Every structure is written in C-alpha cells, then in structure tokens.
Amino acid sequence: MTSTIESLCDIQVPVYQAGMGGVGGPKLAAAVSNAGGLGHLGCIRRGAAQIRDWIRQTRDLTDRPFGVNLVPKGPGPDGFEAQLSAVLEERPKVLSLFWGDFGTVIPRAKAAGIVTMAQIGSVAEAERAAAAGADAIIAQGFEAGGHVGGTVGLMALLPAVLRAVAPLPVLAAGGIADRDGVAAALHLGAAGAWVGTRFVATAESLAHDIYKRRLVAAGADDTVHGHGYSYGWPLGSAYRVIPPRRRSPYRFIAGGARRGDRDAYAEGLSLYAGQGVGLIDDVPPAARVLADLAGIDPGTDRYPDALVVGGGDVQAQGDQRGSGQPLHRPANPRSA
C-alpha cells in the first residue's frame, strides 16, 4: 500500500517543517509551502487571537496548504481549548500535535476536515494516536532538538512504529538536516521527513540572528540532552540543546531565542538544536533548504515537481549528493 500523505496534504515534496514554537511564523511556513513542502506555524503558548492572525497572515503569503502545531502542555494565555477552537474555526490544512493525550482532540480536528498528525517518541504513544484516528504519525527520535518525548534513536524507533501502525504513514523526525538524511528516512519506509533545526537557520525564521549563528558554528558533538528548566514547560521535561560557549546565568535555561530578545540572552541561553546541527553551515532562504533536502540542485528546472513521491517500485538510488537527481521513495514492504 502506497502512502497517501502527499495527497492528503496536497504537497509535492515529502519534507515537513516542524512547528518550532516561537520561531516558526507565517513567513517561514509560507516559504516552505510555496516551495512544495508543508510549512507549519509553531503556536505553542500563543493566544487564540494570535493564532487566528498568524493563520490569516500565512494565507496572505501563500495559496498552498500549511499546518498549525499545538502542544497541550504549552497552552496560550487563554488555554488550550481556546487555541484548539481557533484552529478548528480557521481550518488550516493540517494540525500537528505533540506531548499529550490526543484522544479527544484528534476526532474533533478530523470532524472539521483537518488532516491530523501526532508526534510521538515511543511505540505505545504511536499506537494510542493511531487508535484515536490520527491521519499520520511523526516518529521523533532521541536525536531531535527541542523537547524530546522518548529515549529511542530514530533508526530503531522508525521501523518499530511503521510495523505498529501500518498502514498509516509515518514521518521521520530527529537529526535530519540534509538530503542524505531525508533519503535514509525514505529508504527505511518513512513517508517523509519532519525537519526542525535546519529550518531555524533560514532567512525567514523568527529566530534571533545570534541563535542562527550559533547553529552554524555548532558541531555534531555539541548538543546535550537535559531535563532542567525550559521556559513554559513542566520542570524536568526532556530536551536537546547546544549550551553556550561562555558562562552565563541563562545557561540553565533551555529555549529558542527570538528576534527582539536581548543579545545577551541569545548568547547565554542553552538553545534548542538537534544532532544534525553539525550539517548546518549557512543561513539561506527556506526554499533553498527545501531544495537541498529534496535533492534538487540549484539552477535545475525540475524543482520541485521532479521529486518523485509515492515511488512504488522505484528503489533508492544510493548517494545522490551533488548529482541533481531527485529523491525516490523505495517501496515500503511493511505496508504492502
């Protein structure tokens, strides 16, 4: 059985920008969607009126589908129910959910005609989300940046989740920052790649310029997994960050520095980042990042429609870096 996630979301490229609360705003979501992927608005802790405003701003910037990301444990000033009600009324193409029990949320979103995805960190969570009616599952590996829901790496988690929820499509999340990572996820049977950290370091993201520069400067060995304080989350919630290089009172706080934050805060904060951060060496427009993730070299006239999705019998073609060859999804024997 071939995944129908692209037809559900009406996209050409199997790359999904993660929600990234605070830094994933209308310009980034629209840029990703305009380039053929699926952009997301990171709406954790935003009020209902702010969510409506962001959705309408995004619609002014694109006529392509996009999603809204909500985190029940990070409600806005008027509560999660108000956030959810705003999304149900505005009806974006997709609602993605993270960190919580979505048993009553998913049916309401689906009843409103919204494609619903649940991000999970374990097989048990995936099974609960599937039973609740999720249209797709996002398998988040331990490598992921920001808050991390599980303790299993993506290479082990993804095949287990695919078996557990087949034939539902499963997106791969955690440490994916280039075309080789996307190709590997597709080869393992994922329906697409859920990418966060790489999209923080783009021109359109709302991240502070110092945040972006710190991502570019960081190496693969620089992230740490912790359970300390992160703004707006229950104490002890697990996360992955890059610590500051100098001593700072902010080093004990995990978060994402945004435009408008003080420079000292952005320099001293432990910043959300996944293990793929060592693959980031520039801060380009989001469309260029999407092209790279999709395996389309700049200057070709085949982007983005040349990317073959739902590839049936076409198998992965090995290392395509620099070849100009679009990625092809291999057939997934687990969903046959």
Protein backbone atom coordinates (compact mmCIF):
# COMPACT_ATOMS: atom_id res chain seq x y z
CA MET A 1 0.00 0.00 0.00
CA THR A 2 1.45 3.37 -1.02
CA SER A 3 1.26 6.23 1.48
CA THR A 4 -1.36 8.83 0.70
CA ILE A 5 0.14 11.53 2.91
CA GLU A 6 1.12 13.78 -0.02
CA SER A 7 -2.37 13.65 -1.47
CA LEU A 8 -3.86 14.30 1.96
CA CYS A 9 -1.64 17.36 2.43
CA ASP A 10 -1.60 18.34 -1.26
CA ILE A 11 2.18 18.77 -1.43
CA GLN A 12 4.88 17.81 -3.93
CA VAL A 13 7.92 17.30 -1.67
CA PRO A 14 7.91 14.91 1.33
CA VAL A 15 9.55 17.47 3.63
CA TYR A 16 7.57 18.84 6.56
CA GLN A 17 8.79 21.84 8.53
CA ALA A 18 8.44 21.22 12.26
CA GLY A 19 6.34 23.56 14.37
CA MET A 20 9.20 25.18 16.31
CA GLY A 21 7.19 27.35 18.68
CA GLY A 22 8.28 30.96 18.70
CA VAL A 23 10.45 30.82 15.57
CA GLY A 24 8.13 29.14 13.04
CA GLY A 25 5.95 32.05 11.94
CA PRO A 26 3.96 32.98 8.83
CA LYS A 27 6.91 33.91 6.59
CA LEU A 28 8.72 30.63 7.20
CA ALA A 29 5.60 28.47 6.89
CA ALA A 30 4.58 30.21 3.66
CA ALA A 31 8.10 29.95 2.20
CA VAL A 32 8.25 26.19 2.84
CA SER A 33 4.77 25.61 1.44
CA ASN A 34 5.41 27.80 -1.61
CA ALA A 35 8.50 25.69 -2.33
CA GLY A 36 6.46 22.47 -2.36
CA GLY A 37 6.78 21.18 1.21
CA LEU A 38 4.47 21.67 4.16
CA GLY A 39 5.15 24.68 6.39
CA HIS A 40 3.94 24.87 9.97
CA LEU A 41 3.07 27.65 12.38
CA GLY A 42 4.54 26.98 15.81
CA CYS A 43 1.69 28.11 18.04
CA ILE A 44 2.72 26.86 21.47
CA ARG A 45 1.79 29.47 24.11
CA ARG A 46 0.09 31.76 21.58
CA GLY A 47 -3.35 33.13 22.35
CA ALA A 48 -6.35 32.26 20.21
CA ALA A 49 -6.45 35.70 18.57
CA GLN A 50 -2.74 35.48 17.78
CA ILE A 51 -3.22 32.07 16.18
CA ARG A 52 -6.05 33.38 14.00
CA ASP A 53 -3.88 36.34 12.99
CA TRP A 54 -0.93 34.12 12.07
CA ILE A 55 -3.13 31.80 10.01
CA ARG A 56 -4.58 34.76 8.10
CA GLN A 57 -1.12 36.27 7.57
CA THR A 58 0.09 32.97 6.16
CA ARG A 59 -2.87 32.77 3.80
CA ASP A 60 -1.92 36.23 2.51
CA LEU A 61 1.56 34.87 1.69
CA THR A 62 0.64 31.54 0.10
CA ASP A 63 -2.24 29.74 -1.54
CA ARG A 64 -0.57 26.41 -0.73
CA PRO A 65 -1.52 24.17 2.22
CA PHE A 66 0.17 24.66 5.59
CA GLY A 67 -0.22 23.40 9.13
CA VAL A 68 -0.55 24.60 12.71
CA ASN A 69 1.36 22.94 15.54
CA LEU A 70 -0.16 22.84 19.05
CA VAL A 71 1.25 21.49 22.31
CA PRO A 72 -1.38 20.89 25.00
CA LYS A 73 1.26 21.27 27.72
CA GLY A 74 2.09 24.71 26.36
CA PRO A 75 -1.28 26.46 26.15
CA GLY A 76 -1.63 30.15 25.45
CA PRO A 77 -2.87 32.74 27.91
CA ASP A 78 -6.49 31.70 27.34
CA GLY A 79 -5.86 27.94 27.49
CA PHE A 80 -5.50 25.01 25.10
CA GLU A 81 -9.22 24.75 24.39
CA ALA A 82 -9.23 28.32 23.07
CA GLN A 83 -6.20 27.54 20.91
CA LEU A 84 -7.85 24.44 19.51
CA SER A 85 -11.14 26.24 18.88
CA ALA A 86 -9.31 28.91 16.86
CA VAL A 87 -7.69 26.22 14.70
CA LEU A 88 -10.96 24.37 14.19
CA GLU A 89 -12.65 27.60 13.11
CA GLU A 90 -9.86 28.67 10.73
CA ARG A 91 -9.37 25.17 9.31
CA PRO A 92 -5.77 25.07 8.10
CA LYS A 93 -4.91 22.02 6.03
CA VAL A 94 -3.05 20.25 8.86
CA LEU A 95 -2.98 20.21 12.65
CA SER A 96 0.06 18.59 14.24
CA LEU A 97 0.11 17.73 17.95
CA PHE A 98 2.91 17.00 20.40
CA TRP A 99 3.30 15.92 24.01
CA GLY A 100 -0.04 14.84 25.39
CA ASP A 101 -3.07 12.60 25.15
CA PHE A 102 -4.88 13.49 21.94
CA GLY A 103 -7.72 11.01 22.23
CA THR A 104 -10.40 13.70 22.29
CA VAL A 105 -8.56 16.25 20.13
CA ILE A 106 -7.94 14.18 17.00
CA PRO A 107 -11.61 13.27 16.36
CA ARG A 108 -12.63 16.93 16.65
CA ALA A 109 -9.97 18.06 14.19
CA LYS A 110 -10.89 15.35 11.72
CA ALA A 111 -14.55 16.25 12.02
CA ALA A 112 -13.57 19.77 10.96
CA GLY A 113 -11.88 18.36 7.86
CA ILE A 114 -8.33 18.95 9.12
CA VAL A 115 -5.57 16.42 8.44
CA THR A 116 -4.23 15.47 11.87
CA MET A 117 -0.72 14.33 12.78
CA ALA A 118 0.61 13.24 16.17
CA GLN A 119 4.28 13.44 17.11
CA ILE A 120 5.36 10.60 19.38
CA GLY A 121 8.51 9.23 20.99
CA SER A 122 7.53 5.61 21.59
CA VAL A 123 5.63 2.74 20.01
CA ALA A 124 3.00 2.87 22.75
CA GLU A 125 2.31 6.55 22.03
CA ALA A 126 2.09 5.80 18.31
CA GLU A 127 -0.46 3.07 18.91
CA ARG A 128 -2.61 5.37 21.06
CA ALA A 129 -2.53 8.13 18.44
CA ALA A 130 -3.42 5.66 15.69
CA ALA A 131 -6.31 4.32 17.75
CA ALA A 132 -7.56 7.90 18.21
CA GLY A 133 -7.72 8.31 14.44
CA ALA A 134 -4.57 10.23 13.53
CA ASP A 135 -4.01 10.53 9.78
CA ALA A 136 -0.23 10.32 10.19
CA ILE A 137 2.34 9.65 12.89
CA ILE A 138 5.55 11.62 13.40
CA ALA A 139 8.20 9.35 14.93
CA GLN A 140 10.58 11.57 16.89
CA GLY A 141 13.96 10.03 17.59
CA PHE A 142 16.18 10.84 20.56
CA GLU A 143 18.40 12.86 18.20
CA ALA A 144 15.79 15.60 17.83
CA GLY A 145 16.27 19.14 19.07
CA GLY A 146 13.97 20.97 21.42
CA HIS A 147 11.72 18.88 23.60
CA VAL A 148 12.16 15.15 23.16
CA GLY A 149 9.36 12.77 24.02
CA GLY A 150 11.23 9.47 24.10
CA THR A 151 14.55 7.73 24.63
CA VAL A 152 14.94 5.69 21.43
CA GLY A 153 17.01 6.73 18.42
CA LEU A 154 15.27 7.24 15.09
CA MET A 155 16.93 4.27 13.34
CA ALA A 156 15.37 1.91 15.89
CA LEU A 157 12.13 3.79 16.53
CA LEU A 158 11.04 4.32 12.93
CA PRO A 159 10.85 0.65 11.84
CA ALA A 160 9.09 -0.29 15.09
CA VAL A 161 6.48 2.44 14.65
CA LEU A 162 5.97 1.54 10.99
CA ARG A 163 5.15 -2.03 12.00
CA ALA A 164 2.91 -0.95 14.87
CA VAL A 165 0.66 1.47 12.97
CA ALA A 166 0.71 0.14 9.39
CA PRO A 167 -0.73 1.17 7.01
CA LEU A 168 -0.69 4.70 8.46
CA PRO A 169 2.02 6.95 7.00
CA VAL A 170 4.88 7.73 9.38
CA LEU A 171 7.15 10.78 9.15
CA ALA A 172 10.73 10.59 10.47
CA ALA A 173 12.00 13.25 12.88
CA GLY A 174 15.30 13.73 14.64
CA GLY A 175 18.73 14.74 13.34
CA ILE A 176 17.66 15.16 9.70
CA ALA A 177 19.35 18.20 8.19
CA ASP A 178 20.37 17.32 4.62
CA ARG A 179 19.33 15.30 1.58
CA ASP A 180 21.17 12.21 2.75
CA GLY A 181 19.15 12.18 5.96
CA VAL A 182 15.91 12.50 4.04
CA ALA A 183 16.98 9.72 1.68
CA ALA A 184 17.83 7.46 4.61
CA ALA A 185 14.45 8.08 6.23
CA LEU A 186 12.60 7.29 2.99
CA HIS A 187 14.69 4.15 2.49
CA LEU A 188 13.63 2.93 5.94
CA GLY A 189 10.00 3.34 4.92
CA ALA A 190 9.13 6.82 6.20
CA ALA A 191 6.54 8.75 4.23
CA GLY A 192 8.55 11.94 4.66
CA ALA A 193 10.94 13.90 6.86
CA TRP A 194 9.92 16.21 9.72
CA VAL A 195 12.69 18.82 9.93
CA GLY A 196 13.17 21.45 12.62
CA THR A 197 16.69 22.68 13.40
CA ARG A 198 17.68 23.13 9.75
CA PHE A 199 14.73 25.47 9.21
CA VAL A 200 15.63 27.56 12.27
CA ALA A 201 18.75 28.61 10.36
CA THR A 202 16.88 30.23 7.47
CA ALA A 203 16.28 33.82 6.46
CA GLU A 204 12.55 33.64 7.19
CA SER A 205 12.62 32.08 10.66
CA LEU A 206 11.88 34.29 13.65
CA ALA A 207 14.99 33.08 15.45
CA HIS A 208 17.44 35.67 16.76
CA ASP A 209 20.42 36.22 14.44
CA ILE A 210 22.73 35.05 17.25
CA TYR A 211 20.72 31.81 17.52
CA LYS A 212 21.23 31.23 13.80
CA ARG A 213 24.96 31.98 14.02
CA ARG A 214 25.33 29.59 16.96
CA LEU A 215 23.69 26.82 14.93
CA VAL A 216 26.12 27.42 12.06
CA ALA A 217 29.09 27.38 14.47
CA ALA A 218 27.98 24.21 16.29
CA GLY A 219 29.34 20.76 15.52
CA ALA A 220 27.81 17.31 15.72
CA ASP A 221 29.29 16.76 19.20
CA ASP A 222 27.91 19.98 20.69
CA THR A 223 24.33 19.06 21.62
CA VAL A 224 23.40 17.74 25.06
CA HIS A 225 20.25 16.07 26.37
CA GLY A 226 18.88 17.50 29.60
CA HIS A 227 15.93 17.69 31.98
CA GLY A 228 16.30 21.13 33.55
CA TYR A 229 14.24 24.28 33.21
CA SER A 230 12.77 25.28 29.88
CA TYR A 231 10.52 28.30 29.60
CA GLY A 232 6.82 27.43 29.72
CA TRP A 233 7.29 23.67 30.19
CA PRO A 234 6.89 21.50 33.30
CA LEU A 235 10.13 21.32 35.24
CA GLY A 236 12.09 18.24 34.25
CA SER A 237 10.75 18.00 30.68
CA ALA A 238 13.43 16.42 28.47
CA TYR A 239 15.10 18.47 25.74
CA ARG A 240 18.17 18.66 23.48
CA VAL A 241 20.17 21.89 23.26
CA ILE A 242 23.54 23.42 22.44
CA PRO A 243 24.93 25.00 25.64
CA PRO A 244 26.55 28.44 25.48
CA ARG A 245 30.31 28.60 24.96
CA ARG A 246 30.73 31.06 27.81
CA ARG A 247 29.44 31.13 31.35
CA SER A 248 26.10 32.85 31.67
CA PRO A 249 23.22 32.89 34.13
CA TYR A 250 20.99 31.96 31.19
CA ARG A 251 22.84 28.68 30.54
CA PHE A 252 20.48 26.94 32.96
CA ILE A 253 17.50 27.82 30.75
CA ALA A 254 16.65 25.84 27.61
CA GLY A 255 14.82 27.73 24.90
CA GLY A 256 14.83 29.34 21.48
CA ALA A 257 15.96 32.97 21.25
CA ARG A 258 13.71 35.04 19.03
CA ARG A 259 14.06 38.31 17.17
CA GLY A 260 13.70 41.09 19.70
CA ASP A 261 15.28 39.16 22.56
CA ARG A 262 18.35 40.77 24.10
CA ASP A 263 21.69 39.77 22.60
CA ALA A 264 23.00 38.66 26.00
CA TYR A 265 20.04 36.30 26.34
CA ALA A 266 20.60 34.79 22.89
CA GLU A 267 24.33 34.39 23.62
CA GLY A 268 23.87 32.81 27.03
CA LEU A 269 20.80 30.60 26.54
CA SER A 270 21.00 26.83 26.04
CA LEU A 271 19.46 26.79 22.58
CA TYR A 272 17.23 24.08 21.13
CA ALA A 273 19.07 22.07 18.45
CA GLY A 274 19.10 18.53 17.16
CA GLN A 275 22.10 16.32 16.48
CA GLY A 276 22.04 17.22 12.79
CA VAL A 277 23.23 20.73 13.68
CA GLY A 278 26.77 19.92 12.55
CA LEU A 279 25.47 19.74 8.97
CA ILE A 280 24.34 23.38 9.01
CA ASP A 281 26.86 25.83 7.57
CA ASP A 282 24.76 28.73 6.29
CA VAL A 283 21.52 30.68 6.73
CA PRO A 284 19.83 30.61 3.31
CA PRO A 285 16.21 31.19 2.27
CA ALA A 286 13.89 28.36 3.26
CA ALA A 287 13.21 27.44 -0.38
CA ARG A 288 16.91 26.68 -0.87
CA VAL A 289 16.94 24.48 2.22
CA LEU A 290 13.91 22.61 0.94
CA ALA A 291 15.58 22.11 -2.45
CA ASP A 292 18.66 20.66 -0.76
CA LEU A 293 16.61 18.37 1.47
CA ALA A 294 14.73 17.17 -1.61
CA GLY A 295 17.95 16.50 -3.52
CA ILE A 296 17.39 19.17 -6.15
CA ASP A 297 20.48 21.16 -7.07
CA PRO A 298 20.15 24.94 -7.55
CA GLY A 299 19.57 26.06 -11.12
CA THR A 300 17.70 23.00 -12.33
CA ASP A 301 14.32 23.47 -13.92
CA ARG A 302 12.90 20.35 -12.29
CA TYR A 303 12.26 21.73 -8.81
CA PRO A 304 10.01 20.87 -7.08
CA ASP A 305 7.89 18.67 -9.36
CA ALA A 306 10.74 16.34 -10.25
CA LEU A 307 10.76 14.87 -6.75
CA VAL A 308 9.03 11.53 -7.07
CA VAL A 309 6.78 10.76 -4.12
CA GLY A 310 4.86 7.55 -3.57
CA GLY A 311 7.55 5.89 -5.65
CA GLY A 312 6.05 2.41 -5.85
CA ASP A 313 8.66 0.02 -7.25
CA VAL A 314 11.39 2.64 -7.66
CA GLN A 315 14.24 1.93 -5.26
CA ALA A 316 16.63 4.33 -3.53
CA GLN A 317 19.44 5.24 -5.90
CA GLY A 318 22.36 5.43 -3.48
CA ASP A 319 24.33 8.61 -2.85
CA GLN A 320 22.75 11.39 -4.87
CA ARG A 321 24.59 14.31 -3.25
CA GLY A 322 25.52 16.84 -5.90
CA SER A 323 24.10 14.71 -8.68
CA GLY A 324 20.99 16.75 -9.36
CA GLN A 325 18.99 13.55 -9.03
CA PRO A 326 15.72 13.89 -7.10
CA LEU A 327 14.99 11.50 -4.28
CA HIS A 328 12.78 8.49 -4.92
CA ARG A 329 10.93 6.75 -2.14
CA PRO A 330 11.50 2.99 -2.10
CA ALA A 331 8.54 0.68 -1.76
CA ASN A 332 7.71 0.00 1.90
CA PRO A 333 7.40 -3.74 2.43
CA ARG A 334 5.85 -3.19 5.86
CA SER A 335 2.76 -1.54 4.35
CA ALA A 336 2.28 -3.98 1.48
